[in-house]
Amino acid sequence: MPQLDTSTWFTTIMTMLLTLYLIMQLKLLNMNPRQLPLTKNPNLQTHNIRWQPKWTKICSPNSQSQQF
């Protein structure tokens, strides 16, 4: 039974790691950096709230049948 030749494994693994590193660098280079939240103008952010901000009582069907 022949022995497994491992003489090229180091070169193969190092080339693979270098290629992965370069691909990741290219992907990161093409990404747009996110804008920091502190640099945004808070006046431009408006929230559309269709209800009034207050507590409401929610009755379950069982509590409606009880009469006091």
N, C-alpha and C. Protein backbone atom coordinates (compact mmCIF):
# COMPACT_ATOMS: atom_id res chain seq x y z
N MET A 1 0.84 -1.18 0.00
CA MET A 1 0.00 0.00 0.00
C MET A 1 0.89 1.25 0.00
N PRO A 2 0.63 2.17 -0.96
CA PRO A 2 1.53 3.34 -1.06
C PRO A 2 1.26 4.36 0.06
N GLN A 3 2.27 5.10 0.36
CA GLN A 3 2.17 6.13 1.39
C GLN A 3 1.54 7.39 0.79
N LEU A 4 0.83 8.13 1.64
CA LEU A 4 0.20 9.37 1.20
C LEU A 4 1.27 10.45 1.12
N ASP A 5 1.35 11.10 -0.04
CA ASP A 5 2.35 12.15 -0.24
C ASP A 5 1.83 13.46 0.34
N THR A 6 2.43 13.94 1.39
CA THR A 6 2.00 15.17 2.05
C THR A 6 2.95 16.33 1.79
N SER A 7 3.83 16.19 0.84
CA SER A 7 4.83 17.22 0.62
C SER A 7 4.23 18.51 0.05
N THR A 8 3.09 18.44 -0.61
CA THR A 8 2.51 19.66 -1.21
C THR A 8 1.39 20.24 -0.34
N TRP A 9 1.10 19.64 0.79
CA TRP A 9 0.00 20.12 1.62
C TRP A 9 0.26 21.52 2.16
N PHE A 10 1.47 21.78 2.60
CA PHE A 10 1.78 23.09 3.16
C PHE A 10 1.57 24.18 2.11
N THR A 11 2.03 23.96 0.92
CA THR A 11 1.87 24.96 -0.15
C THR A 11 0.40 25.14 -0.50
N THR A 12 -0.34 24.06 -0.54
CA THR A 12 -1.76 24.13 -0.88
C THR A 12 -2.54 24.89 0.19
N ILE A 13 -2.29 24.60 1.43
CA ILE A 13 -3.01 25.25 2.53
C ILE A 13 -2.65 26.72 2.61
N MET A 14 -1.38 27.05 2.46
CA MET A 14 -0.97 28.45 2.52
C MET A 14 -1.54 29.25 1.34
N THR A 15 -1.59 28.65 0.18
CA THR A 15 -2.17 29.33 -0.98
C THR A 15 -3.67 29.55 -0.79
N MET A 16 -4.34 28.56 -0.21
CA MET A 16 -5.76 28.70 0.06
C MET A 16 -6.02 29.82 1.06
N LEU A 17 -5.24 29.89 2.13
CA LEU A 17 -5.41 30.94 3.12
C LEU A 17 -5.15 32.32 2.53
N LEU A 18 -4.14 32.44 1.71
CA LEU A 18 -3.83 33.70 1.06
C LEU A 18 -4.97 34.12 0.13
N THR A 19 -5.51 33.18 -0.60
CA THR A 19 -6.61 33.47 -1.51
C THR A 19 -7.85 33.92 -0.74
N LEU A 20 -8.16 33.23 0.35
CA LEU A 20 -9.31 33.63 1.16
C LEU A 20 -9.11 35.02 1.76
N TYR A 21 -7.91 35.31 2.20
CA TYR A 21 -7.62 36.64 2.74
C TYR A 21 -7.81 37.72 1.68
N LEU A 22 -7.33 37.47 0.49
CA LEU A 22 -7.47 38.46 -0.59
C LEU A 22 -8.92 38.64 -1.00
N ILE A 23 -9.68 37.58 -1.03
CA ILE A 23 -11.10 37.69 -1.38
C ILE A 23 -11.84 38.51 -0.33
N MET A 24 -11.54 38.25 0.93
CA MET A 24 -12.20 39.02 1.99
C MET A 24 -11.80 40.49 1.94
N GLN A 25 -10.57 40.77 1.64
CA GLN A 25 -10.13 42.16 1.53
C GLN A 25 -10.84 42.86 0.38
N LEU A 26 -11.02 42.19 -0.73
CA LEU A 26 -11.73 42.78 -1.85
C LEU A 26 -13.19 43.02 -1.53
N LYS A 27 -13.80 42.10 -0.81
CA LYS A 27 -15.19 42.30 -0.41
C LYS A 27 -15.34 43.47 0.54
N LEU A 28 -14.44 43.58 1.49
CA LEU A 28 -14.50 44.68 2.44
C LEU A 28 -14.19 46.02 1.76
N LEU A 29 -13.37 45.99 0.76
CA LEU A 29 -13.04 47.22 0.04
C LEU A 29 -14.25 47.76 -0.71
N ASN A 30 -15.09 46.87 -1.20
CA ASN A 30 -16.26 47.28 -1.98
C ASN A 30 -17.46 47.64 -1.13
N MET A 31 -17.39 47.37 0.19
CA MET A 31 -18.52 47.69 1.05
C MET A 31 -18.57 49.17 1.35
N ASN A 32 -19.79 49.68 1.51
CA ASN A 32 -19.96 51.06 1.94
C ASN A 32 -19.96 51.09 3.46
N PRO A 33 -19.18 51.98 4.04
CA PRO A 33 -19.19 52.05 5.50
C PRO A 33 -20.51 52.61 5.99
N ARG A 34 -20.99 52.07 7.11
CA ARG A 34 -22.25 52.55 7.67
C ARG A 34 -22.06 53.92 8.28
N GLN A 35 -23.10 54.68 8.22
CA GLN A 35 -23.06 55.99 8.83
C GLN A 35 -23.28 55.85 10.33
N LEU A 36 -22.48 56.55 11.11
CA LEU A 36 -22.61 56.45 12.56
C LEU A 36 -23.90 57.10 13.01
N PRO A 37 -24.55 56.55 14.02
CA PRO A 37 -25.82 57.12 14.48
C PRO A 37 -25.67 58.54 15.03
N LEU A 38 -24.52 58.89 15.54
CA LEU A 38 -24.33 60.21 16.11
C LEU A 38 -24.28 61.30 15.05
N THR A 39 -23.94 60.93 13.81
CA THR A 39 -23.82 61.94 12.77
C THR A 39 -25.15 62.23 12.08
N LYS A 40 -26.16 61.42 12.34
CA LYS A 40 -27.47 61.65 11.72
C LYS A 40 -28.18 62.82 12.40
N ASN A 41 -28.97 63.51 11.63
CA ASN A 41 -29.73 64.62 12.17
C ASN A 41 -31.01 64.07 12.80
N PRO A 42 -31.23 64.26 14.10
CA PRO A 42 -32.42 63.68 14.74
C PRO A 42 -33.72 64.36 14.30
N ASN A 43 -33.64 65.56 13.75
CA ASN A 43 -34.84 66.24 13.30
C ASN A 43 -35.43 65.61 12.04
N LEU A 44 -34.61 64.89 11.31
CA LEU A 44 -35.09 64.27 10.08
C LEU A 44 -35.85 62.98 10.34
N GLN A 45 -35.68 62.42 11.50
CA GLN A 45 -36.34 61.16 11.82
C GLN A 45 -37.70 61.46 12.46
N THR A 46 -38.75 61.16 11.74
CA THR A 46 -40.09 61.34 12.29
C THR A 46 -40.75 59.98 12.35
N HIS A 47 -41.49 59.76 13.40
CA HIS A 47 -42.19 58.50 13.57
C HIS A 47 -43.68 58.76 13.40
N ASN A 48 -44.28 57.96 12.58
CA ASN A 48 -45.72 58.07 12.35
C ASN A 48 -46.44 57.18 13.35
N ILE A 49 -47.07 57.79 14.34
CA ILE A 49 -47.82 57.03 15.33
C ILE A 49 -49.29 57.32 15.10
N ARG A 50 -50.05 56.28 14.80
CA ARG A 50 -51.47 56.46 14.49
C ARG A 50 -52.34 56.36 15.73
N TRP A 51 -51.77 55.99 16.85
CA TRP A 51 -52.55 55.88 18.07
C TRP A 51 -51.99 56.87 19.08
N GLN A 52 -52.77 57.11 20.10
CA GLN A 52 -52.30 58.02 21.12
C GLN A 52 -51.45 57.25 22.12
N PRO A 53 -50.37 57.86 22.56
CA PRO A 53 -49.48 57.15 23.47
C PRO A 53 -50.01 57.13 24.91
N LYS A 54 -50.99 56.28 25.16
CA LYS A 54 -51.53 56.15 26.50
C LYS A 54 -51.91 54.69 26.72
N TRP A 55 -52.12 54.34 27.96
CA TRP A 55 -52.50 52.98 28.30
C TRP A 55 -53.98 52.78 28.01
N THR A 56 -54.29 51.63 27.49
CA THR A 56 -55.69 51.29 27.25
C THR A 56 -56.03 50.01 27.99
N LYS A 57 -57.27 49.88 28.36
CA LYS A 57 -57.72 48.68 29.06
C LYS A 57 -58.16 47.67 28.01
N ILE A 58 -57.64 46.48 28.11
CA ILE A 58 -58.00 45.42 27.17
C ILE A 58 -58.78 44.38 27.95
N CYS A 59 -59.98 44.11 27.51
CA CYS A 59 -60.83 43.15 28.19
C CYS A 59 -60.83 41.84 27.44
N SER A 60 -60.67 40.77 28.16
CA SER A 60 -60.75 39.46 27.54
C SER A 60 -62.22 39.04 27.47
N PRO A 61 -62.58 38.11 26.61
CA PRO A 61 -63.98 37.69 26.48
C PRO A 61 -64.57 37.16 27.78
N ASN A 62 -63.78 36.53 28.62
CA ASN A 62 -64.30 35.99 29.89
C ASN A 62 -64.69 37.10 30.85
N SER A 63 -63.96 38.19 30.84
CA SER A 63 -64.26 39.25 31.80
C SER A 63 -65.49 40.07 31.38
N GLN A 64 -65.90 39.99 30.13
CA GLN A 64 -67.06 40.72 29.68
C GLN A 64 -68.37 40.09 30.17
N SER A 65 -68.37 38.80 30.39
CA SER A 65 -69.58 38.11 30.81
C SER A 65 -69.90 38.36 32.28
N GLN A 66 -68.95 38.80 33.06
CA GLN A 66 -69.19 39.06 34.47
C GLN A 66 -69.84 40.42 34.64
N GLN A 67 -70.89 40.45 35.42
CA GLN A 67 -71.56 41.71 35.66
C GLN A 67 -71.54 42.01 37.16
N PHE A 68 -71.26 43.24 37.50
CA PHE A 68 -71.19 43.65 38.90
C PHE A 68 -72.33 44.51 39.26
